[in-house]
Amino acid sequence: MSKRLISLDVLRGITIAAMILVNDPGSWDYVYAPLLHAPWNGCTPTDLVFPFFLFMVGVAISIALGKRIASGVDSTGLVSKIINRSLIIFLIGMLLNGFPYYDLSSIRIPGVLQRIAVVYLICSLIFIRTTWLGQLRWAIGLLVIYWFMMNFIPVPGVGEPNLEPTTNLAAWLDNLLLSGHLWSATKVWDPEGILSTIPAVSTGLSGVLTGHLLKSQLSETRKAAWLFVIGAICIFLGLFWDLNFPINKALWTSSYVLYTSGIALQCLAICYWFIDVLGYKGWTTPWVAFGMNALSAYVLSGLFARVLGMIKIGEQSLKSWIFENWFLTWLDPYSASLAFAIVFVLCLFIPSWILYRKGIIIKV
């Protein structure tokens, strides 16, 4: 496969725009249900965003590293670059978590970028050391191991294995090793915690395996068809496993991995068919602009949101002032909150568009 997959850039762009949209409402008191995570078990559209991104990280690994290996790049140097890139992404996540005060006694160690870094590292090393069959075995094995750990290993200090928010095995391990450095909304467990990163690697590997399919000698029509069919199988298996191991984003359960990877496969199949096969590309430019600099857009969105919260106008933050005076004055609270989020995304599109027009891709 020599040509760039525009569909992958588009889906990545849509995903990062959605990630920014759901992270930055005008007010958390007024958010439409589909734009919130499921309270615990279940899956909303918002719960698809992060696994979609990890899935595409896996696809990119398969395509980019595959090209380097095929060109004869030294594996030792390649491993060194993979480790360095992972460390940089992890560090950027830590810097974003601590901005602007960097209180090392309470800074959150896990996070979105940190999980991306770890998943990228492990998936890349598995990719360069194994065949597609080995990668499939790793993906399945990690899901089964995590299912077993969460359902059969007693929780120290609690007793029987369980999947409740604060008393499950993953929460116990987070609190044991990262106490004081967890998500501020929970303090005793983290949605990007240690143990739940195990199945998240399988999400990345589902993308790696998808990359093999896209690089295969099959016709474009067959590729699109297989993407959609395999996606349907994964969705079915995820829903079936949900009967025993509920679909849950916070725990990143094995059923959640299968279910979300299946939907990601089908969305990629649709984009691939219409964009790369049929050539309907006229509408894709804004999404490509976002997708080609997804990491920088996400980091900038986090910094922008923090700055809006820090600047004060009287007794309220600049964000609250803008929301109340520019949006609430003419819209109902829920619509105003959504409108604020949409404008926020559009503001982040401007630097992405400038970089795209100049042909600049910020890489780490």
Protein backbone atom coordinates (compact mmCIF):
# COMPACT_ATOMS: atom_id res chain seq x y z
CA MET A 1 0.00 0.00 0.00
CA SER A 2 1.86 3.07 -1.25
CA LYS A 3 -0.69 5.85 -1.11
CA ARG A 4 -1.66 7.62 2.11
CA LEU A 5 -4.96 6.53 3.62
CA ILE A 6 -7.05 9.70 3.62
CA SER A 7 -9.81 7.79 5.43
CA LEU A 8 -7.52 7.18 8.41
CA ASP A 9 -6.66 10.89 8.66
CA VAL A 10 -10.35 11.79 8.37
CA LEU A 11 -11.46 9.34 11.08
CA ARG A 12 -8.63 10.50 13.31
CA GLY A 13 -9.64 14.11 12.73
CA ILE A 14 -13.28 13.40 13.54
CA THR A 15 -12.19 11.54 16.66
CA ILE A 16 -9.93 14.29 17.99
CA ALA A 17 -12.62 16.91 17.29
CA ALA A 18 -15.11 14.75 19.20
CA MET A 19 -12.62 14.34 22.04
CA ILE A 20 -12.25 18.11 22.36
CA LEU A 21 -16.02 18.61 22.03
CA VAL A 22 -16.94 16.26 24.89
CA ASN A 23 -14.12 17.55 27.12
CA ASP A 24 -15.08 21.22 26.88
CA PRO A 25 -18.78 21.99 27.38
CA GLY A 26 -19.82 25.45 28.45
CA SER A 27 -20.96 24.01 31.78
CA TRP A 28 -20.77 20.47 33.14
CA ASP A 29 -24.18 21.09 34.70
CA TYR A 30 -25.77 21.20 31.25
CA VAL A 31 -24.55 18.44 28.95
CA TYR A 32 -26.70 16.29 26.67
CA ALA A 33 -26.57 12.62 27.70
CA PRO A 34 -24.79 11.33 24.54
CA LEU A 35 -21.94 13.76 25.28
CA LEU A 36 -21.32 12.25 28.72
CA HIS A 37 -19.63 8.99 29.64
CA ALA A 38 -21.87 6.21 30.88
CA PRO A 39 -22.21 6.49 34.70
CA TRP A 40 -20.62 3.03 35.02
CA ASN A 41 -21.63 0.05 32.87
CA GLY A 42 -22.79 0.74 29.33
CA CYS A 43 -21.50 2.76 26.40
CA THR A 44 -22.47 6.19 25.09
CA PRO A 45 -21.09 7.85 21.93
CA THR A 46 -18.59 9.64 24.19
CA ASP A 47 -17.26 6.29 25.37
CA LEU A 48 -16.24 5.49 21.79
CA VAL A 49 -13.85 8.41 21.43
CA PHE A 50 -10.76 7.22 23.31
CA PRO A 51 -10.80 3.60 22.06
CA PHE A 52 -11.23 4.92 18.51
CA PHE A 53 -8.05 6.93 18.95
CA LEU A 54 -6.10 3.96 20.35
CA PHE A 55 -7.42 1.82 17.51
CA MET A 56 -6.03 4.31 14.99
CA VAL A 57 -2.72 4.45 16.85
CA GLY A 58 -2.54 0.72 16.17
CA VAL A 59 -3.38 1.11 12.48
CA ALA A 60 -0.68 3.77 12.15
CA ILE A 61 1.85 1.49 13.88
CA SER A 62 1.16 -1.30 11.40
CA ILE A 63 1.48 0.97 8.38
CA ALA A 64 4.36 3.24 9.45
CA LEU A 65 6.55 0.71 11.23
CA GLY A 66 5.76 -1.86 8.56
CA LYS A 67 7.23 0.45 5.92
CA ARG A 68 10.37 1.01 7.99
CA ILE A 69 10.91 -2.67 8.60
CA ALA A 70 10.36 -3.41 4.91
CA SER A 71 12.96 -0.79 3.99
CA GLY A 72 15.55 -2.57 6.15
CA VAL A 73 15.76 -0.15 9.07
CA ASP A 74 17.93 -1.48 11.91
CA SER A 75 15.66 -2.96 14.59
CA THR A 76 17.83 -1.71 17.47
CA GLY A 77 17.55 1.87 16.29
CA LEU A 78 13.84 1.41 15.68
CA VAL A 79 13.27 0.18 19.23
CA SER A 80 15.22 3.16 20.55
CA LYS A 81 13.01 5.57 18.59
CA ILE A 82 9.86 3.82 19.81
CA ILE A 83 10.97 4.12 23.44
CA ASN A 84 11.97 7.76 23.04
CA ARG A 85 8.68 8.66 21.39
CA SER A 86 6.71 6.90 24.11
CA LEU A 87 8.62 8.73 26.84
CA ILE A 88 8.06 12.10 25.16
CA ILE A 89 4.30 11.52 24.81
CA PHE A 90 4.12 10.35 28.43
CA LEU A 91 6.04 13.43 29.58
CA ILE A 92 3.78 15.75 27.58
CA GLY A 93 0.80 14.14 29.32
CA MET A 94 2.38 14.75 32.71
CA LEU A 95 3.17 18.37 31.82
CA LEU A 96 -0.42 18.87 30.68
CA ASN A 97 -1.77 17.32 33.89
CA GLY A 98 0.35 19.60 36.06
CA PHE A 99 -0.12 22.86 34.15
CA PRO A 100 0.33 25.53 35.42
CA TYR A 101 1.33 24.84 39.05
CA TYR A 102 3.13 21.47 38.87
CA ASP A 103 2.51 20.34 42.43
CA LEU A 104 4.52 17.12 42.42
CA SER A 105 2.86 15.94 45.63
CA SER A 106 -0.53 15.60 43.92
CA ILE A 107 0.04 15.68 40.17
CA ARG A 108 -2.00 13.07 38.35
CA ILE A 109 0.30 10.42 36.89
CA PRO A 110 -2.15 8.50 34.64
CA GLY A 111 -3.94 10.27 31.80
CA VAL A 112 -5.03 10.09 28.19
CA LEU A 113 -1.61 10.83 26.67
CA GLN A 114 0.09 8.58 29.21
CA ARG A 115 -2.11 5.67 28.18
CA ILE A 116 -1.51 6.44 24.51
CA ALA A 117 2.25 6.39 25.21
CA VAL A 118 2.16 3.02 26.99
CA VAL A 119 -0.14 1.43 24.41
CA TYR A 120 2.02 2.76 21.57
CA LEU A 121 5.17 1.37 23.22
CA ILE A 122 3.82 -2.11 23.90
CA CYS A 123 1.97 -2.48 20.59
CA SER A 124 5.01 -1.30 18.63
CA LEU A 125 7.33 -3.76 20.36
CA ILE A 126 4.87 -6.60 19.82
CA PHE A 127 4.51 -5.58 16.17
CA ILE A 128 8.21 -5.64 15.35
CA ARG A 129 8.80 -8.93 17.20
CA THR A 130 5.82 -11.00 16.01
CA THR A 131 3.74 -11.88 12.97
CA TRP A 132 0.06 -10.98 12.62
CA LEU A 133 -0.83 -14.33 14.19
CA GLY A 134 1.32 -13.57 17.20
CA GLN A 135 -0.29 -10.16 17.51
CA LEU A 136 -3.73 -11.77 17.43
CA ARG A 137 -2.67 -14.17 20.18
CA TRP A 138 -1.40 -11.27 22.28
CA ALA A 139 -4.65 -9.33 21.79
CA ILE A 140 -6.83 -12.27 22.80
CA GLY A 141 -4.52 -13.35 25.61
CA LEU A 142 -4.49 -9.93 27.26
CA LEU A 143 -8.29 -9.75 27.17
CA VAL A 144 -8.63 -13.20 28.75
CA ILE A 145 -5.97 -12.47 31.38
CA TYR A 146 -7.68 -9.21 32.36
CA TRP A 147 -11.09 -10.92 32.53
CA PHE A 148 -9.63 -13.60 34.79
CA MET A 149 -7.88 -11.10 37.07
CA MET A 150 -10.94 -8.91 37.51
CA ASN A 151 -13.37 -11.78 38.07
CA PHE A 152 -11.39 -14.38 40.01
CA ILE A 153 -8.63 -12.69 42.03
CA PRO A 154 -9.83 -11.58 45.49
CA VAL A 155 -9.36 -7.89 46.28
CA PRO A 156 -6.99 -7.37 49.25
CA GLY A 157 -8.78 -5.70 52.13
CA VAL A 158 -12.15 -6.12 50.40
CA GLY A 159 -12.68 -9.81 49.78
CA GLU A 160 -14.55 -11.27 46.82
CA PRO A 161 -13.72 -10.11 43.29
CA ASN A 162 -16.13 -7.41 42.14
CA LEU A 163 -16.60 -4.76 39.47
CA GLU A 164 -17.80 -1.90 41.68
CA PRO A 165 -16.18 1.54 41.24
CA THR A 166 -14.00 1.75 44.36
CA THR A 167 -13.60 -1.86 45.45
CA ASN A 168 -12.50 -3.72 42.30
CA LEU A 169 -8.98 -5.05 41.79
CA ALA A 170 -7.96 -2.28 39.36
CA ALA A 171 -9.04 0.42 41.84
CA TRP A 172 -7.14 -1.34 44.65
CA LEU A 173 -3.93 -1.42 42.57
CA ASP A 174 -4.30 2.22 41.51
CA ASN A 175 -4.78 3.31 45.10
CA LEU A 176 -1.90 1.14 46.31
CA LEU A 177 0.69 2.38 43.81
CA LEU A 178 -0.55 5.84 42.85
CA SER A 179 -2.34 7.13 45.94
CA GLY A 180 -2.50 10.93 45.82
CA HIS A 181 -1.71 10.96 42.10
CA LEU A 182 -5.03 9.79 40.68
CA TRP A 183 -7.90 11.46 38.85
CA SER A 184 -9.19 14.30 41.03
CA ALA A 185 -12.82 13.35 40.43
CA THR A 186 -12.35 9.99 42.17
CA LYS A 187 -9.10 10.22 44.17
CA VAL A 188 -9.06 6.45 44.81
CA TRP A 189 -9.06 5.04 41.26
CA ASP A 190 -8.30 6.25 37.75
CA PRO A 191 -10.06 5.59 34.43
CA GLU A 192 -6.60 5.46 32.82
CA GLY A 193 -5.13 3.39 35.64
CA ILE A 194 -2.53 0.66 35.70
CA LEU A 195 -4.44 -2.60 35.39
CA SER A 196 -6.97 -1.35 32.83
CA THR A 197 -4.09 -0.48 30.50
CA ILE A 198 -3.70 -4.23 29.85
CA PRO A 199 -6.90 -4.51 27.77
CA ALA A 200 -6.23 -1.05 26.28
CA VAL A 201 -3.17 -2.65 24.63
CA SER A 202 -5.58 -5.06 22.95
CA THR A 203 -7.50 -2.06 21.60
CA GLY A 204 -4.27 -0.87 20.03
CA LEU A 205 -3.53 -4.35 18.70
CA SER A 206 -6.96 -4.47 17.06
CA GLY A 207 -5.78 -1.48 15.04
CA VAL A 208 -2.44 -3.15 14.30
CA LEU A 209 -4.27 -6.18 12.92
CA THR A 210 -6.52 -3.89 10.89
CA GLY A 211 -3.40 -2.36 9.38
CA HIS A 212 -2.32 -5.80 8.15
CA LEU A 213 -5.67 -6.17 6.38
CA LEU A 214 -5.34 -2.75 4.76
CA LYS A 215 -1.82 -3.64 3.55
CA SER A 216 -2.90 -6.99 2.15
CA GLN A 217 -3.20 -7.89 -1.53
CA LEU A 218 -6.99 -8.06 -1.36
CA SER A 219 -8.96 -5.77 -3.63
CA GLU A 220 -10.16 -2.51 -2.12
CA THR A 221 -13.74 -3.74 -2.23
CA ARG A 222 -12.84 -6.92 -0.33
CA LYS A 223 -10.86 -4.93 2.23
CA ALA A 224 -13.84 -2.69 2.94
CA ALA A 225 -16.15 -5.69 3.15
CA TRP A 226 -13.87 -7.59 5.54
CA LEU A 227 -13.43 -4.52 7.74
CA PHE A 228 -17.19 -4.28 8.08
CA VAL A 229 -17.75 -8.02 8.62
CA ILE A 230 -14.97 -8.38 11.21
CA GLY A 231 -16.34 -5.28 12.92
CA ALA A 232 -19.77 -6.92 13.13
CA ILE A 233 -18.23 -10.08 14.61
CA CYS A 234 -16.36 -8.04 17.24
CA ILE A 235 -19.53 -6.14 18.18
CA PHE A 236 -21.44 -9.41 18.58
CA LEU A 237 -18.66 -10.95 20.69
CA GLY A 238 -18.48 -7.80 22.82
CA LEU A 239 -22.22 -7.86 23.47
CA PHE A 240 -22.07 -11.57 24.26
CA TRP A 241 -19.17 -11.09 26.70
CA ASP A 242 -21.10 -8.19 28.23
CA LEU A 243 -23.42 -10.77 29.78
CA ASN A 244 -20.55 -11.90 32.02
CA PHE A 245 -18.09 -8.99 31.96
CA PRO A 246 -20.09 -5.76 31.43
CA ILE A 247 -19.10 -3.19 28.84
CA ASN A 248 -17.44 -0.51 30.94
CA LYS A 249 -15.18 2.31 29.80
CA ALA A 250 -13.78 3.17 33.24
CA LEU A 251 -12.61 -0.42 33.72
CA TRP A 252 -11.84 -0.84 29.99
CA THR A 253 -13.36 -4.30 30.18
CA SER A 254 -12.63 -6.97 27.60
CA SER A 255 -16.19 -6.75 26.29
CA TYR A 256 -15.72 -2.99 25.90
CA VAL A 257 -12.58 -3.58 23.84
CA LEU A 258 -14.36 -5.92 21.44
CA TYR A 259 -17.47 -3.77 21.19
CA THR A 260 -15.66 -0.47 20.56
CA SER A 261 -13.06 -2.00 18.24
CA GLY A 262 -15.91 -3.48 16.21
CA ILE A 263 -17.58 -0.10 15.83
CA ALA A 264 -14.21 1.48 14.96
CA LEU A 265 -13.67 -1.17 12.27
CA GLN A 266 -17.06 -0.44 10.74
CA CYS A 267 -16.55 3.32 10.83
CA LEU A 268 -13.16 2.91 9.15
CA ALA A 269 -14.75 0.58 6.58
CA ILE A 270 -17.32 3.25 5.69
CA CYS A 271 -14.72 6.02 5.47
CA TYR A 272 -12.33 3.81 3.50
CA TRP A 273 -15.03 2.84 0.99
CA PHE A 274 -16.36 6.31 0.34
CA ILE A 275 -13.09 8.25 0.54
CA ASP A 276 -10.24 6.01 -0.64
CA VAL A 277 -12.19 3.67 -2.92
CA LEU A 278 -14.98 5.80 -4.42
CA GLY A 279 -12.98 9.03 -4.15
CA TYR A 280 -15.47 11.28 -2.35
CA LYS A 281 -12.81 13.56 -0.86
CA GLY A 282 -14.23 17.03 -1.32
CA TRP A 283 -15.60 17.25 2.23
CA THR A 284 -12.58 15.75 3.98
CA THR A 285 -10.11 18.64 4.17
CA PRO A 286 -11.11 20.05 7.60
CA TRP A 287 -10.97 16.59 9.15
CA VAL A 288 -7.63 15.81 7.51
CA ALA A 289 -6.27 19.06 8.93
CA PHE A 290 -7.29 17.97 12.41
CA GLY A 291 -6.19 14.38 11.88
CA MET A 292 -2.68 15.12 10.65
CA ASN A 293 -1.87 17.09 13.82
CA ALA A 294 -4.16 15.32 16.27
CA LEU A 295 -1.67 15.22 19.15
CA SER A 296 -0.87 18.93 18.97
CA ALA A 297 -4.59 19.79 18.72
CA TYR A 298 -5.35 17.76 21.85
CA VAL A 299 -2.49 19.30 23.84
CA LEU A 300 -3.42 22.81 22.75
CA SER A 301 -7.05 22.20 23.71
CA GLY A 302 -5.99 21.20 27.21
CA LEU A 303 -3.82 24.27 27.65
CA PHE A 304 -6.49 26.57 26.18
CA ALA A 305 -9.12 25.20 28.56
CA ARG A 306 -6.85 25.65 31.57
CA VAL A 307 -6.04 29.26 30.61
CA LEU A 308 -9.74 30.09 30.19
CA GLY A 309 -10.34 28.71 33.67
CA MET A 310 -7.42 30.60 35.23
CA ILE A 311 -8.17 34.11 33.93
CA LYS A 312 -10.64 35.88 36.22
CA ILE A 313 -13.25 38.51 35.41
CA GLY A 314 -14.52 39.62 38.77
CA GLU A 315 -15.38 36.52 40.78
CA GLN A 316 -15.75 34.17 37.82
CA SER A 317 -13.44 32.60 35.29
CA LEU A 318 -13.16 33.88 31.73
CA LYS A 319 -14.74 30.64 30.54
CA SER A 320 -17.80 31.12 32.76
CA TRP A 321 -18.08 34.76 31.77
CA ILE A 322 -17.99 33.92 28.04
CA PHE A 323 -20.53 31.12 28.53
CA GLU A 324 -22.96 33.29 30.48
CA ASN A 325 -22.64 36.45 28.39
CA TRP A 326 -22.14 35.10 24.88
CA PHE A 327 -24.22 31.91 24.88
CA LEU A 328 -26.71 31.79 27.77
CA THR A 329 -28.20 35.11 26.76
CA TRP A 330 -29.82 33.64 23.64
CA LEU A 331 -29.87 29.86 24.10
CA ASP A 332 -31.29 27.45 26.66
CA PRO A 333 -28.60 26.07 29.04
CA TYR A 334 -28.07 22.73 27.27
CA SER A 335 -27.91 24.25 23.80
CA ALA A 336 -25.67 27.03 25.10
CA SER A 337 -23.28 24.51 26.64
CA LEU A 338 -23.10 22.58 23.37
CA ALA A 339 -22.66 25.76 21.33
CA PHE A 340 -19.74 26.77 23.55
CA ALA A 341 -18.11 23.37 22.96
CA ILE A 342 -18.58 23.66 19.20
CA VAL A 343 -17.04 27.15 19.13
CA PHE A 344 -14.18 25.82 21.28
CA VAL A 345 -13.52 23.11 18.67
CA LEU A 346 -13.64 25.69 15.87
CA CYS A 347 -11.08 27.83 17.70
CA LEU A 348 -8.77 24.81 17.92
CA PHE A 349 -9.31 24.17 14.22
CA ILE A 350 -7.63 27.46 13.29
CA PRO A 351 -4.05 26.47 14.27
CA SER A 352 -4.59 22.98 12.83
CA TRP A 353 -5.69 24.55 9.54
CA ILE A 354 -2.67 26.87 9.47
CA LEU A 355 -0.31 23.93 10.03
CA TYR A 356 -2.07 21.92 7.35
CA ARG A 357 -1.92 24.72 4.79
CA LYS A 358 1.81 25.12 5.46
CA GLY A 359 2.37 21.39 5.19
CA ILE A 360 3.62 21.15 8.77
CA ILE A 361 3.07 17.96 10.76
CA ILE A 362 4.24 18.22 14.37
CA LYS A 363 5.75 14.87 15.33
CA VAL A 364 7.35 13.57 18.50
